[in-house]
Amino acid sequence: MTVGTGPVAAGIDPLAVAAGPVSAWSVAAVVGWLVVVVLVWLLFFAYGRGKRQTPRP
């Protein structure tokens, strides 16, 4: 590969070239949504686990 060729050398974001700017934002939104869902699930799991560990009279 010679210097000065390719999308990176032209100053173009490779992600934008591969998927388009709208798709890149969509991927970021989906990943962010999944992170939020996983965090909420972990909170519910930790709450339920702590609740089960308490002895009942």
PDB file of N, CA and C in Angstrom:
ATOM      1  N   MET A   1       0.852  -1.182   0.000  1.00  0.00           N
ATOM      2  CA  MET A   1       0.000   0.000   0.000  1.00  0.00           C
ATOM      3  C   MET A   1       0.887   1.231   0.000  1.00  0.00           C
ATOM      4  N   THR A   2       0.566   2.155  -0.846  1.00  0.00           N
ATOM      5  CA  THR A   2       1.361   3.373  -0.924  1.00  0.00           C
ATOM      6  C   THR A   2       0.762   4.436  -0.032  1.00  0.00           C
ATOM      7  N   VAL A   3       1.616   5.336   0.405  1.00  0.00           N
ATOM      8  CA  VAL A   3       1.153   6.420   1.262  1.00  0.00           C
ATOM      9  C   VAL A   3       0.333   7.387   0.421  1.00  0.00           C
ATOM     10  N   GLY A   4      -0.805   7.793   0.952  1.00  0.00           N
ATOM     11  CA  GLY A   4      -1.623   8.765   0.246  1.00  0.00           C
ATOM     12  C   GLY A   4      -2.827   8.152  -0.448  1.00  0.00           C
ATOM     13  N   THR A   5      -3.047   6.865  -0.265  1.00  0.00           N
ATOM     14  CA  THR A   5      -4.229   6.238  -0.863  1.00  0.00           C
ATOM     15  C   THR A   5      -5.118   5.683   0.233  1.00  0.00           C
ATOM     16  N   GLY A   6      -6.353   5.463  -0.093  1.00  0.00           N
ATOM     17  CA  GLY A   6      -7.285   4.892   0.871  1.00  0.00           C
ATOM     18  C   GLY A   6      -8.118   5.962   1.545  1.00  0.00           C
ATOM     19  N   PRO A   7      -9.192   5.550   2.193  1.00  0.00           N
ATOM     20  CA  PRO A   7     -10.098   6.523   2.828  1.00  0.00           C
ATOM     21  C   PRO A   7      -9.478   7.244   4.010  1.00  0.00           C
ATOM     22  N   VAL A   8      -8.567   6.580   4.741  1.00  0.00           N
ATOM     23  CA  VAL A   8      -7.963   7.229   5.905  1.00  0.00           C
ATOM     24  C   VAL A   8      -7.042   8.350   5.457  1.00  0.00           C
ATOM     25  N   ALA A   9      -6.255   8.109   4.404  1.00  0.00           N
ATOM     26  CA  ALA A   9      -5.340   9.124   3.902  1.00  0.00           C
ATOM     27  C   ALA A   9      -6.106  10.307   3.322  1.00  0.00           C
ATOM     28  N   ALA A  10      -7.302  10.077   2.811  1.00  0.00           N
ATOM     29  CA  ALA A  10      -8.107  11.151   2.240  1.00  0.00           C
ATOM     30  C   ALA A  10      -8.820  11.955   3.321  1.00  0.00           C
ATOM     31  N   GLY A  11      -8.694  11.550   4.582  1.00  0.00           N
ATOM     32  CA  GLY A  11      -9.331  12.279   5.668  1.00  0.00           C
ATOM     33  C   GLY A  11     -10.784  11.906   5.864  1.00  0.00           C
ATOM     34  N   ILE A  12     -11.185  10.751   5.359  1.00  0.00           N
ATOM     35  CA  ILE A  12     -12.569  10.290   5.487  1.00  0.00           C
ATOM     36  C   ILE A  12     -12.618   9.216   6.562  1.00  0.00           C
ATOM     37  N   ASP A  13     -13.629   9.294   7.391  1.00  0.00           N
ATOM     38  CA  ASP A  13     -13.792   8.292   8.446  1.00  0.00           C
ATOM     39  C   ASP A  13     -14.132   6.940   7.826  1.00  0.00           C
ATOM     40  N   PRO A  14     -13.342   5.894   8.100  1.00  0.00           N
ATOM     41  CA  PRO A  14     -13.635   4.580   7.506  1.00  0.00           C
ATOM     42  C   PRO A  14     -14.996   4.025   7.895  1.00  0.00           C
ATOM     43  N   LEU A  15     -15.439   4.316   9.123  1.00  0.00           N
ATOM     44  CA  LEU A  15     -16.754   3.839   9.548  1.00  0.00           C
ATOM     45  C   LEU A  15     -17.852   4.492   8.713  1.00  0.00           C
ATOM     46  N   ALA A  16     -17.694   5.781   8.442  1.00  0.00           N
ATOM     47  CA  ALA A  16     -18.686   6.481   7.638  1.00  0.00           C
ATOM     48  C   ALA A  16     -18.680   5.964   6.203  1.00  0.00           C
ATOM     49  N   VAL A  17     -17.506   5.594   5.699  1.00  0.00           N
ATOM     50  CA  VAL A  17     -17.426   5.063   4.338  1.00  0.00           C
ATOM     51  C   VAL A  17     -18.083   3.694   4.274  1.00  0.00           C
ATOM     52  N   ALA A  18     -17.843   2.863   5.283  1.00  0.00           N
ATOM     53  CA  ALA A  18     -18.346   1.495   5.267  1.00  0.00           C
ATOM     54  C   ALA A  18     -19.853   1.445   5.496  1.00  0.00           C
ATOM     55  N   ALA A  19     -20.365   2.241   6.414  1.00  0.00           N
ATOM     56  CA  ALA A  19     -21.761   2.084   6.812  1.00  0.00           C
ATOM     57  C   ALA A  19     -22.609   3.322   6.550  1.00  0.00           C
ATOM     58  N   GLY A  20     -22.005   4.453   6.302  1.00  0.00           N
ATOM     59  CA  GLY A  20     -22.752   5.688   6.152  1.00  0.00           C
ATOM     60  C   GLY A  20     -22.963   6.346   7.496  1.00  0.00           C
ATOM     61  N   PRO A  21     -23.059   7.668   7.540  1.00  0.00           N
ATOM     62  CA  PRO A  21     -23.175   8.373   8.832  1.00  0.00           C
ATOM     63  C   PRO A  21     -24.452   8.034   9.594  1.00  0.00           C
ATOM     64  N   VAL A  22     -25.559   7.813   8.894  1.00  0.00           N
ATOM     65  CA  VAL A  22     -26.815   7.478   9.572  1.00  0.00           C
ATOM     66  C   VAL A  22     -26.691   6.109  10.229  1.00  0.00           C
ATOM     67  N   SER A  23     -26.107   5.167   9.526  1.00  0.00           N
ATOM     68  CA  SER A  23     -25.939   3.833  10.085  1.00  0.00           C
ATOM     69  C   SER A  23     -24.998   3.850  11.281  1.00  0.00           C
ATOM     70  N   ALA A  24     -23.955   4.683  11.218  1.00  0.00           N
ATOM     71  CA  ALA A  24     -23.028   4.774  12.344  1.00  0.00           C
ATOM     72  C   ALA A  24     -23.755   5.288  13.584  1.00  0.00           C
ATOM     73  N   TRP A  25     -24.619   6.288  13.407  1.00  0.00           N
ATOM     74  CA  TRP A  25     -25.390   6.795  14.546  1.00  0.00           C
ATOM     75  C   TRP A  25     -26.382   5.748  15.029  1.00  0.00           C
ATOM     76  N   SER A  26     -26.952   4.992  14.122  1.00  0.00           N
ATOM     77  CA  SER A  26     -27.889   3.940  14.518  1.00  0.00           C
ATOM     78  C   SER A  26     -27.188   2.860  15.328  1.00  0.00           C
ATOM     79  N   VAL A  27     -25.994   2.487  14.890  1.00  0.00           N
ATOM     80  CA  VAL A  27     -25.225   1.484  15.635  1.00  0.00           C
ATOM     81  C   VAL A  27     -24.899   2.012  17.022  1.00  0.00           C
ATOM     82  N   ALA A  28     -24.498   3.280  17.118  1.00  0.00           N
ATOM     83  CA  ALA A  28     -24.186   3.869  18.423  1.00  0.00           C
ATOM     84  C   ALA A  28     -25.426   3.889  19.316  1.00  0.00           C
ATOM     85  N   ALA A  29     -26.585   4.197  18.750  1.00  0.00           N
ATOM     86  CA  ALA A  29     -27.817   4.228  19.538  1.00  0.00           C
ATOM     87  C   ALA A  29     -28.190   2.834  20.031  1.00  0.00           C
ATOM     88  N   VAL A  30     -28.044   1.835  19.173  1.00  0.00           N
ATOM     89  CA  VAL A  30     -28.385   0.468  19.571  1.00  0.00           C
ATOM     90  C   VAL A  30     -27.439  -0.025  20.656  1.00  0.00           C
ATOM     91  N   VAL A  31     -26.142   0.253  20.499  1.00  0.00           N
ATOM     92  CA  VAL A  31     -25.173  -0.165  21.513  1.00  0.00           C
ATOM     93  C   VAL A  31     -25.461   0.537  22.837  1.00  0.00           C
ATOM     94  N   GLY A  32     -25.763   1.827  22.802  1.00  0.00           N
ATOM     95  CA  GLY A  32     -26.104   2.552  24.026  1.00  0.00           C
ATOM     96  C   GLY A  32     -27.349   1.990  24.686  1.00  0.00           C
ATOM     97  N   TRP A  33     -28.360   1.654  23.888  1.00  0.00           N
ATOM     98  CA  TRP A  33     -29.594   1.070  24.422  1.00  0.00           C
ATOM     99  C   TRP A  33     -29.315  -0.275  25.080  1.00  0.00           C
ATOM    100  N   LEU A  34     -28.483  -1.091  24.440  1.00  0.00           N
ATOM    101  CA  LEU A  34     -28.145  -2.390  25.027  1.00  0.00           C
ATOM    102  C   LEU A  34     -27.391  -2.227  26.339  1.00  0.00           C
ATOM    103  N   VAL A  35     -26.514  -1.234  26.417  1.00  0.00           N
ATOM    104  CA  VAL A  35     -25.785  -0.985  27.661  1.00  0.00           C
ATOM    105  C   VAL A  35     -26.761  -0.606  28.765  1.00  0.00           C
ATOM    106  N   VAL A  36     -27.732   0.245  28.453  1.00  0.00           N
ATOM    107  CA  VAL A  36     -28.727   0.642  29.460  1.00  0.00           C
ATOM    108  C   VAL A  36     -29.546  -0.565  29.903  1.00  0.00           C
ATOM    109  N   VAL A  37     -29.966  -1.400  28.961  1.00  0.00           N
ATOM    110  CA  VAL A  37     -30.759  -2.588  29.308  1.00  0.00           C
ATOM    111  C   VAL A  37     -29.963  -3.524  30.206  1.00  0.00           C
ATOM    112  N   VAL A  38     -28.684  -3.732  29.880  1.00  0.00           N
ATOM    113  CA  VAL A  38     -27.850  -4.618  30.698  1.00  0.00           C
ATOM    114  C   VAL A  38     -27.668  -4.041  32.094  1.00  0.00           C
ATOM    115  N   LEU A  39     -27.454  -2.740  32.205  1.00  0.00           N
ATOM    116  CA  LEU A  39     -27.287  -2.130  33.528  1.00  0.00           C
ATOM    117  C   LEU A  39     -28.557  -2.257  34.358  1.00  0.00           C
ATOM    118  N   VAL A  40     -29.709  -2.022  33.748  1.00  0.00           N
ATOM    119  CA  VAL A  40     -30.976  -2.160  34.481  1.00  0.00           C
ATOM    120  C   VAL A  40     -31.188  -3.610  34.896  1.00  0.00           C
ATOM    121  N   TRP A  41     -30.879  -4.552  34.017  1.00  0.00           N
ATOM    122  CA  TRP A  41     -31.018  -5.973  34.350  1.00  0.00           C
ATOM    123  C   TRP A  41     -30.105  -6.350  35.511  1.00  0.00           C
ATOM    124  N   LEU A  42     -28.877  -5.827  35.497  1.00  0.00           N
ATOM    125  CA  LEU A  42     -27.956  -6.116  36.600  1.00  0.00           C
ATOM    126  C   LEU A  42     -28.464  -5.533  37.917  1.00  0.00           C
ATOM    127  N   LEU A  43     -29.067  -4.348  37.874  1.00  0.00           N
ATOM    128  CA  LEU A  43     -29.625  -3.765  39.096  1.00  0.00           C
ATOM    129  C   LEU A  43     -30.759  -4.632  39.637  1.00  0.00           C
ATOM    130  N   PHE A  44     -31.664  -5.064  38.765  1.00  0.00           N
ATOM    131  CA  PHE A  44     -32.751  -5.934  39.209  1.00  0.00           C
ATOM    132  C   PHE A  44     -32.218  -7.260  39.734  1.00  0.00           C
ATOM    133  N   PHE A  45     -31.199  -7.808  39.073  1.00  0.00           N
ATOM    134  CA  PHE A  45     -30.618  -9.077  39.511  1.00  0.00           C
ATOM    135  C   PHE A  45     -29.979  -8.924  40.887  1.00  0.00           C
ATOM    136  N   ALA A  46     -29.240  -7.829  41.095  1.00  0.00           N
ATOM    137  CA  ALA A  46     -28.592  -7.607  42.393  1.00  0.00           C
ATOM    138  C   ALA A  46     -29.645  -7.383  43.480  1.00  0.00           C
ATOM    139  N   TYR A  47     -30.726  -6.652  43.144  1.00  0.00           N
ATOM    140  CA  TYR A  47     -31.775  -6.412  44.130  1.00  0.00           C
ATOM    141  C   TYR A  47     -32.475  -7.717  44.496  1.00  0.00           C
ATOM    142  N   GLY A  48     -32.810  -8.517  43.515  1.00  0.00           N
ATOM    143  CA  GLY A  48     -33.482  -9.787  43.778  1.00  0.00           C
ATOM    144  C   GLY A  48     -32.597 -10.752  44.543  1.00  0.00           C
ATOM    145  N   ARG A  49     -31.308 -10.771  44.226  1.00  0.00           N
ATOM    146  CA  ARG A  49     -30.381 -11.664  44.921  1.00  0.00           C
ATOM    147  C   ARG A  49     -30.233 -11.250  46.383  1.00  0.00           C
ATOM    148  N   GLY A  50     -30.125  -9.945  46.638  1.00  0.00           N
ATOM    149  CA  GLY A  50     -30.019  -9.466  48.010  1.00  0.00           C
ATOM    150  C   GLY A  50     -31.287  -9.724  48.793  1.00  0.00           C
ATOM    151  N   LYS A  51     -32.425  -9.626  48.117  1.00  0.00           N
ATOM    152  CA  LYS A  51     -33.704  -9.858  48.783  1.00  0.00           C
ATOM    153  C   LYS A  51     -33.848 -11.335  49.159  1.00  0.00           C
ATOM    154  N   ARG A  52     -33.364 -12.247  48.310  1.00  0.00           N
ATOM    155  CA  ARG A  52     -33.470 -13.672  48.587  1.00  0.00           C
ATOM    156  C   ARG A  52     -32.553 -14.109  49.720  1.00  0.00           C
ATOM    157  N   GLN A  53     -31.454 -13.396  49.932  1.00  0.00           N
ATOM    158  CA  GLN A  53     -30.498 -13.801  50.953  1.00  0.00           C
ATOM    159  C   GLN A  53     -30.964 -13.452  52.359  1.00  0.00           C
ATOM    160  N   THR A  54     -31.940 -12.577  52.486  1.00  0.00           N
ATOM    161  CA  THR A  54     -32.417 -12.219  53.817  1.00  0.00           C
ATOM    162  C   THR A  54     -33.288 -13.346  54.362  1.00  0.00           C
ATOM    163  N   PRO A  55     -33.041 -13.795  55.576  1.00  0.00           N
ATOM    164  CA  PRO A  55     -33.841 -14.887  56.145  1.00  0.00           C
ATOM    165  C   PRO A  55     -35.247 -14.413  56.497  1.00  0.00           C
ATOM    166  N   ARG A  56     -36.201 -15.294  56.320  1.00  0.00           N
ATOM    167  CA  ARG A  56     -37.587 -14.960  56.664  1.00  0.00           C
ATOM    168  C   ARG A  56     -37.927 -15.574  58.019  1.00  0.00           C
ATOM    169  N   PRO A  57     -38.610 -14.851  58.862  1.00  0.00           N
ATOM    170  CA  PRO A  57     -38.967 -15.385  60.195  1.00  0.00           C
ATOM    171  C   PRO A  57     -40.072 -16.420  60.128  1.00  0.00           C
TER     172      PRO A  57
END
